[in-house]
PDB file of all heavy atoms in Angstrom:
ATOM      1  N   MET A   1     -10.940 -17.625   2.163  1.00  0.00           N
ATOM      2  CA  MET A   1      -9.899 -16.650   2.232  1.00  0.00           C
ATOM      3  C   MET A   1      -9.304 -16.218   0.860  1.00  0.00           C
ATOM      4  O   MET A   1      -8.422 -15.332   0.820  1.00  0.00           O
ATOM      5  CB  MET A   1      -8.694 -17.191   3.117  1.00  0.00           C
ATOM      6  CG  MET A   1      -9.075 -17.426   4.549  1.00  0.00           C
ATOM      7  SD  MET A   1      -9.398 -15.851   5.425  1.00  0.00           S
ATOM      8  CE  MET A   1     -11.185 -16.003   5.727  1.00  0.00           C
ATOM      9  N   THR A   2      -9.757 -16.826  -0.257  1.00  0.00           N
ATOM     10  CA  THR A   2      -9.158 -16.592  -1.518  1.00  0.00           C
ATOM     11  C   THR A   2      -9.557 -15.213  -2.122  1.00  0.00           C
ATOM     12  O   THR A   2      -8.649 -14.465  -2.495  1.00  0.00           O
ATOM     13  CB  THR A   2      -9.463 -17.670  -2.564  1.00  0.00           C
ATOM     14  OG1 THR A   2      -9.081 -18.914  -1.958  1.00  0.00           O
ATOM     15  CG2 THR A   2      -8.813 -17.485  -3.821  1.00  0.00           C
ATOM     16  N   ASP A   3     -10.788 -14.946  -2.221  1.00  0.00           N
ATOM     17  CA  ASP A   3     -11.301 -13.702  -2.823  1.00  0.00           C
ATOM     18  C   ASP A   3     -11.438 -12.652  -1.743  1.00  0.00           C
ATOM     19  O   ASP A   3     -12.510 -12.378  -1.203  1.00  0.00           O
ATOM     20  CB  ASP A   3     -12.679 -13.978  -3.529  1.00  0.00           C
ATOM     21  CG  ASP A   3     -13.039 -12.760  -4.475  1.00  0.00           C
ATOM     22  OD1 ASP A   3     -12.433 -11.635  -4.264  1.00  0.00           O
ATOM     23  OD2 ASP A   3     -13.903 -12.963  -5.304  1.00  0.00           O
ATOM     24  N   TYR A   4     -10.303 -12.004  -1.458  1.00  0.00           N
ATOM     25  CA  TYR A   4     -10.299 -11.106  -0.325  1.00  0.00           C
ATOM     26  C   TYR A   4     -11.128  -9.826  -0.575  1.00  0.00           C
ATOM     27  O   TYR A   4     -11.657  -9.184   0.319  1.00  0.00           O
ATOM     28  CB  TYR A   4      -8.817 -10.696   0.025  1.00  0.00           C
ATOM     29  CG  TYR A   4      -8.004 -10.188  -1.117  1.00  0.00           C
ATOM     30  CD1 TYR A   4      -7.988  -8.813  -1.404  1.00  0.00           C
ATOM     31  CD2 TYR A   4      -7.247 -11.062  -1.955  1.00  0.00           C
ATOM     32  CE1 TYR A   4      -7.248  -8.305  -2.453  1.00  0.00           C
ATOM     33  CE2 TYR A   4      -6.583 -10.574  -3.012  1.00  0.00           C
ATOM     34  CZ  TYR A   4      -6.553  -9.210  -3.277  1.00  0.00           C
ATOM     35  OH  TYR A   4      -5.838  -8.741  -4.371  1.00  0.00           O
ATOM     36  N   GLU A   5     -11.253  -9.422  -1.817  1.00  0.00           N
ATOM     37  CA  GLU A   5     -11.974  -8.140  -2.133  1.00  0.00           C
ATOM     38  C   GLU A   5     -13.489  -8.420  -2.020  1.00  0.00           C
ATOM     39  O   GLU A   5     -14.238  -7.595  -1.420  1.00  0.00           O
ATOM     40  CB  GLU A   5     -11.622  -7.610  -3.552  1.00  0.00           C
ATOM     41  CG  GLU A   5     -10.175  -7.043  -3.556  1.00  0.00           C
ATOM     42  CD  GLU A   5      -9.929  -6.266  -4.786  1.00  0.00           C
ATOM     43  OE1 GLU A   5     -10.638  -6.462  -5.820  1.00  0.00           O
ATOM     44  OE2 GLU A   5      -9.105  -5.381  -4.768  1.00  0.00           O
ATOM     45  N   ASN A   6     -13.977  -9.466  -2.552  1.00  0.00           N
ATOM     46  CA  ASN A   6     -15.450  -9.707  -2.636  1.00  0.00           C
ATOM     47  C   ASN A   6     -15.966 -10.407  -1.415  1.00  0.00           C
ATOM     48  O   ASN A   6     -17.040 -10.120  -0.874  1.00  0.00           O
ATOM     49  CB  ASN A   6     -15.882 -10.497  -3.918  1.00  0.00           C
ATOM     50  CG  ASN A   6     -15.573  -9.618  -5.116  1.00  0.00           C
ATOM     51  OD1 ASN A   6     -16.185  -8.475  -5.281  1.00  0.00           O
ATOM     52  ND2 ASN A   6     -14.865 -10.109  -6.115  1.00  0.00           N
ATOM     53  N   ASP A   7     -15.226 -11.455  -0.946  1.00  0.00           N
ATOM     54  CA  ASP A   7     -15.743 -12.242   0.145  1.00  0.00           C
ATOM     55  C   ASP A   7     -15.335 -11.730   1.533  1.00  0.00           C
ATOM     56  O   ASP A   7     -16.026 -11.852   2.459  1.00  0.00           O
ATOM     57  CB  ASP A   7     -15.144 -13.726   0.092  1.00  0.00           C
ATOM     58  CG  ASP A   7     -15.804 -14.444  -1.069  1.00  0.00           C
ATOM     59  OD1 ASP A   7     -16.839 -14.005  -1.610  1.00  0.00           O
ATOM     60  OD2 ASP A   7     -15.234 -15.539  -1.474  1.00  0.00           O
ATOM     61  N   LEU A   8     -14.171 -11.027   1.555  1.00  0.00           N
ATOM     62  CA  LEU A   8     -13.693 -10.483   2.862  1.00  0.00           C
ATOM     63  C   LEU A   8     -13.776  -9.015   2.871  1.00  0.00           C
ATOM     64  O   LEU A   8     -13.562  -8.371   3.981  1.00  0.00           O
ATOM     65  CB  LEU A   8     -12.268 -10.955   3.086  1.00  0.00           C
ATOM     66  CG  LEU A   8     -11.979 -12.438   2.996  1.00  0.00           C
ATOM     67  CD1 LEU A   8     -10.490 -12.776   3.274  1.00  0.00           C
ATOM     68  CD2 LEU A   8     -12.924 -13.154   4.071  1.00  0.00           C
ATOM     69  N   ASP A   9     -14.083  -8.368   1.789  1.00  0.00           N
ATOM     70  CA  ASP A   9     -14.361  -6.911   1.818  1.00  0.00           C
ATOM     71  C   ASP A   9     -13.198  -5.996   2.089  1.00  0.00           C
ATOM     72  O   ASP A   9     -13.341  -4.982   2.776  1.00  0.00           O
ATOM     73  CB  ASP A   9     -15.542  -6.621   2.691  1.00  0.00           C
ATOM     74  CG  ASP A   9     -16.215  -5.281   2.471  1.00  0.00           C
ATOM     75  OD1 ASP A   9     -16.198  -4.827   1.264  1.00  0.00           O
ATOM     76  OD2 ASP A   9     -16.698  -4.609   3.418  1.00  0.00           O
ATOM     77  N   TYR A  10     -11.981  -6.333   1.709  1.00  0.00           N
ATOM     78  CA  TYR A  10     -10.892  -5.445   1.881  1.00  0.00           C
ATOM     79  C   TYR A  10      -9.970  -5.455   0.613  1.00  0.00           C
ATOM     80  O   TYR A  10     -10.002  -6.473  -0.159  1.00  0.00           O
ATOM     81  CB  TYR A  10     -10.056  -5.739   3.092  1.00  0.00           C
ATOM     82  CG  TYR A  10      -9.224  -7.004   3.160  1.00  0.00           C
ATOM     83  CD1 TYR A  10      -7.891  -6.840   2.550  1.00  0.00           C
ATOM     84  CD2 TYR A  10      -9.624  -8.183   3.609  1.00  0.00           C
ATOM     85  CE1 TYR A  10      -7.075  -8.048   2.506  1.00  0.00           C
ATOM     86  CE2 TYR A  10      -8.779  -9.331   3.561  1.00  0.00           C
ATOM     87  CZ  TYR A  10      -7.502  -9.206   3.068  1.00  0.00           C
ATOM     88  OH  TYR A  10      -6.718 -10.345   3.024  1.00  0.00           O
ATOM     89  N   THR A  11      -9.189  -4.465   0.484  1.00  0.00           N
ATOM     90  CA  THR A  11      -8.211  -4.355  -0.567  1.00  0.00           C
ATOM     91  C   THR A  11      -7.013  -3.596   0.016  1.00  0.00           C
ATOM     92  O   THR A  11      -6.981  -3.096   1.094  1.00  0.00           O
ATOM     93  CB  THR A  11      -8.758  -3.600  -1.839  1.00  0.00           C
ATOM     94  OG1 THR A  11      -7.845  -3.857  -2.902  1.00  0.00           O
ATOM     95  CG2 THR A  11      -8.935  -2.080  -1.548  1.00  0.00           C
ATOM     96  N   TYR A  12      -5.932  -3.584  -0.840  1.00  0.00           N
ATOM     97  CA  TYR A  12      -4.696  -2.948  -0.322  1.00  0.00           C
ATOM     98  C   TYR A  12      -4.443  -1.702  -1.173  1.00  0.00           C
ATOM     99  O   TYR A  12      -4.582  -1.653  -2.397  1.00  0.00           O
ATOM    100  CB  TYR A  12      -3.519  -3.939  -0.533  1.00  0.00           C
ATOM    101  CG  TYR A  12      -3.436  -4.898   0.625  1.00  0.00           C
ATOM    102  CD1 TYR A  12      -3.869  -6.222   0.396  1.00  0.00           C
ATOM    103  CD2 TYR A  12      -3.016  -4.570   1.843  1.00  0.00           C
ATOM    104  CE1 TYR A  12      -3.782  -7.149   1.450  1.00  0.00           C
ATOM    105  CE2 TYR A  12      -2.915  -5.435   2.878  1.00  0.00           C
ATOM    106  CZ  TYR A  12      -3.319  -6.769   2.692  1.00  0.00           C
ATOM    107  OH  TYR A  12      -3.283  -7.620   3.716  1.00  0.00           O
ATOM    108  N   HIS A  13      -3.981  -0.679  -0.444  1.00  0.00           N
ATOM    109  CA  HIS A  13      -3.476   0.535  -1.078  1.00  0.00           C
ATOM    110  C   HIS A  13      -2.153   0.247  -1.736  1.00  0.00           C
ATOM    111  O   HIS A  13      -1.525  -0.807  -1.552  1.00  0.00           O
ATOM    112  CB  HIS A  13      -3.432   1.673   0.014  1.00  0.00           C
ATOM    113  CG  HIS A  13      -3.183   3.049  -0.552  1.00  0.00           C
ATOM    114  ND1 HIS A  13      -2.025   3.686  -0.356  1.00  0.00           N
ATOM    115  CD2 HIS A  13      -3.999   3.818  -1.269  1.00  0.00           C
ATOM    116  CE1 HIS A  13      -2.153   4.890  -0.937  1.00  0.00           C
ATOM    117  NE2 HIS A  13      -3.314   5.001  -1.480  1.00  0.00           N
ATOM    118  N   LEU A  14      -1.616   1.166  -2.410  1.00  0.00           N
ATOM    119  CA  LEU A  14      -0.336   0.987  -3.124  1.00  0.00           C
ATOM    120  C   LEU A  14       0.785   0.652  -2.154  1.00  0.00           C
ATOM    121  O   LEU A  14       0.948   1.309  -1.124  1.00  0.00           O
ATOM    122  CB  LEU A  14      -0.016   2.319  -3.911  1.00  0.00           C
ATOM    123  CG  LEU A  14       1.050   2.236  -4.936  1.00  0.00           C
ATOM    124  CD1 LEU A  14       0.605   1.316  -6.151  1.00  0.00           C
ATOM    125  CD2 LEU A  14       1.461   3.653  -5.460  1.00  0.00           C
ATOM    126  N   GLY A  15       1.599  -0.355  -2.593  1.00  0.00           N
ATOM    127  CA  GLY A  15       2.884  -0.696  -1.863  1.00  0.00           C
ATOM    128  C   GLY A  15       3.959  -0.983  -2.777  1.00  0.00           C
ATOM    129  O   GLY A  15       3.874  -0.861  -4.000  1.00  0.00           O
ATOM    130  N   SER A  16       5.149  -1.242  -2.093  1.00  0.00           N
ATOM    131  CA  SER A  16       6.386  -1.225  -2.838  1.00  0.00           C
ATOM    132  C   SER A  16       6.480  -2.394  -3.842  1.00  0.00           C
ATOM    133  O   SER A  16       7.288  -2.357  -4.720  1.00  0.00           O
ATOM    134  CB  SER A  16       7.544  -1.305  -1.877  1.00  0.00           C
ATOM    135  OG  SER A  16       7.418  -2.505  -1.063  1.00  0.00           O
ATOM    136  N   LEU A  17       5.647  -3.402  -3.667  1.00  0.00           N
ATOM    137  CA  LEU A  17       5.729  -4.509  -4.680  1.00  0.00           C
ATOM    138  C   LEU A  17       4.637  -4.474  -5.744  1.00  0.00           C
ATOM    139  O   LEU A  17       4.522  -5.375  -6.488  1.00  0.00           O
ATOM    140  CB  LEU A  17       5.618  -5.826  -3.898  1.00  0.00           C
ATOM    141  CG  LEU A  17       6.910  -6.151  -3.069  1.00  0.00           C
ATOM    142  CD1 LEU A  17       6.719  -7.538  -2.366  1.00  0.00           C
ATOM    143  CD2 LEU A  17       8.106  -6.245  -4.024  1.00  0.00           C
ATOM    144  N   ASP A  18       3.805  -3.410  -5.742  1.00  0.00           N
ATOM    145  CA  ASP A  18       2.987  -3.152  -6.863  1.00  0.00           C
ATOM    146  C   ASP A  18       3.804  -3.069  -8.140  1.00  0.00           C
ATOM    147  O   ASP A  18       4.837  -2.482  -8.129  1.00  0.00           O
ATOM    148  CB  ASP A  18       2.055  -2.022  -6.674  1.00  0.00           C
ATOM    149  CG  ASP A  18       0.910  -2.260  -5.713  1.00  0.00           C
ATOM    150  OD1 ASP A  18       1.152  -2.297  -4.492  1.00  0.00           O
ATOM    151  OD2 ASP A  18      -0.148  -2.522  -6.222  1.00  0.00           O
ATOM    152  N   PRO A  19       3.256  -3.545  -9.321  1.00  0.00           N
ATOM    153  CA  PRO A  19       4.076  -3.501 -10.523  1.00  0.00           C
ATOM    154  C   PRO A  19       4.644  -2.144 -10.887  1.00  0.00           C
ATOM    155  O   PRO A  19       5.795  -2.073 -11.388  1.00  0.00           O
ATOM    156  CB  PRO A  19       3.061  -4.036 -11.606  1.00  0.00           C
ATOM    157  CG  PRO A  19       2.197  -4.914 -10.806  1.00  0.00           C
ATOM    158  CD  PRO A  19       2.036  -4.239  -9.447  1.00  0.00           C
ATOM    159  N   THR A  20       3.857  -1.090 -10.677  1.00  0.00           N
ATOM    160  CA  THR A  20       4.348   0.303 -11.051  1.00  0.00           C
ATOM    161  C   THR A  20       5.538   0.707 -10.265  1.00  0.00           C
ATOM    162  O   THR A  20       6.348   1.533 -10.702  1.00  0.00           O
ATOM    163  CB  THR A  20       3.250   1.273 -10.835  1.00  0.00           C
ATOM    164  OG1 THR A  20       2.747   1.250  -9.535  1.00  0.00           O
ATOM    165  CG2 THR A  20       2.124   0.990 -11.864  1.00  0.00           C
ATOM    166  N   LEU A  21       5.728   0.150  -9.007  1.00  0.00           N
ATOM    167  CA  LEU A  21       6.860   0.568  -8.176  1.00  0.00           C
ATOM    168  C   LEU A  21       7.959  -0.504  -8.219  1.00  0.00           C
ATOM    169  O   LEU A  21       9.127  -0.248  -8.040  1.00  0.00           O
ATOM    170  CB  LEU A  21       6.430   0.761  -6.704  1.00  0.00           C
ATOM    171  CG  LEU A  21       5.383   1.929  -6.467  1.00  0.00           C
ATOM    172  CD1 LEU A  21       5.030   1.964  -4.979  1.00  0.00           C
ATOM    173  CD2 LEU A  21       5.994   3.213  -6.958  1.00  0.00           C
ATOM    174  N   ARG A  22       7.481  -1.735  -8.474  1.00  0.00           N
ATOM    175  CA  ARG A  22       8.487  -2.855  -8.389  1.00  0.00           C
ATOM    176  C   ARG A  22       9.467  -2.779  -9.609  1.00  0.00           C
ATOM    177  O   ARG A  22      10.545  -3.402  -9.471  1.00  0.00           O
ATOM    178  CB  ARG A  22       7.731  -4.181  -8.427  1.00  0.00           C
ATOM    179  CG  ARG A  22       8.556  -5.359  -8.019  1.00  0.00           C
ATOM    180  CD  ARG A  22       7.708  -6.580  -7.792  1.00  0.00           C
ATOM    181  NE  ARG A  22       7.177  -7.129  -8.961  1.00  0.00           N
ATOM    182  CZ  ARG A  22       5.869  -7.385  -9.282  1.00  0.00           C
ATOM    183  NH1 ARG A  22       4.992  -6.925  -8.425  1.00  0.00           N
ATOM    184  NH2 ARG A  22       5.514  -7.930 -10.426  1.00  0.00           N
ATOM    185  N   SER A  23       9.215  -2.108 -10.601  1.00  0.00           N
ATOM    186  CA  SER A  23      10.079  -2.077 -11.777  1.00  0.00           C
ATOM    187  C   SER A  23      11.393  -1.434 -11.432  1.00  0.00           C
ATOM    188  O   SER A  23      12.414  -1.706 -12.100  1.00  0.00           O
ATOM    189  CB  SER A  23       9.423  -1.243 -12.896  1.00  0.00           C
ATOM    190  OG  SER A  23       9.192   0.113 -12.413  1.00  0.00           O
ATOM    191  N   THR A  24      11.498  -0.664 -10.384  1.00  0.00           N
ATOM    192  CA  THR A  24      12.732  -0.027  -9.951  1.00  0.00           C
ATOM    193  C   THR A  24      13.617  -0.976  -9.192  1.00  0.00           C
ATOM    194  O   THR A  24      14.767  -0.720  -8.918  1.00  0.00           O
ATOM    195  CB  THR A  24      12.513   1.213  -9.108  1.00  0.00           C
ATOM    196  OG1 THR A  24      11.758   0.869  -7.916  1.00  0.00           O
ATOM    197  CG2 THR A  24      11.649   2.266  -9.944  1.00  0.00           C
ATOM    198  N   ILE A  25      13.065  -2.136  -8.752  1.00  0.00           N
ATOM    199  CA  ILE A  25      13.836  -3.158  -7.965  1.00  0.00           C
ATOM    200  C   ILE A  25      13.706  -4.492  -8.590  1.00  0.00           C
ATOM    201  O   ILE A  25      13.529  -5.475  -7.927  1.00  0.00           O
ATOM    202  CB  ILE A  25      13.353  -3.136  -6.465  1.00  0.00           C
ATOM    203  CG1 ILE A  25      11.807  -3.268  -6.403  1.00  0.00           C
ATOM    204  CG2 ILE A  25      13.872  -1.890  -5.739  1.00  0.00           C
ATOM    205  CD1 ILE A  25      11.356  -3.364  -4.945  1.00  0.00           C
TER     206      ILE A  25
END
């Protein structure tokens, strides 16, 4: 369950806690 992108084949789209958005909070 650790390498979700390579072993589980999914990733996440942009969310509020991504560094580019989190700087405002």
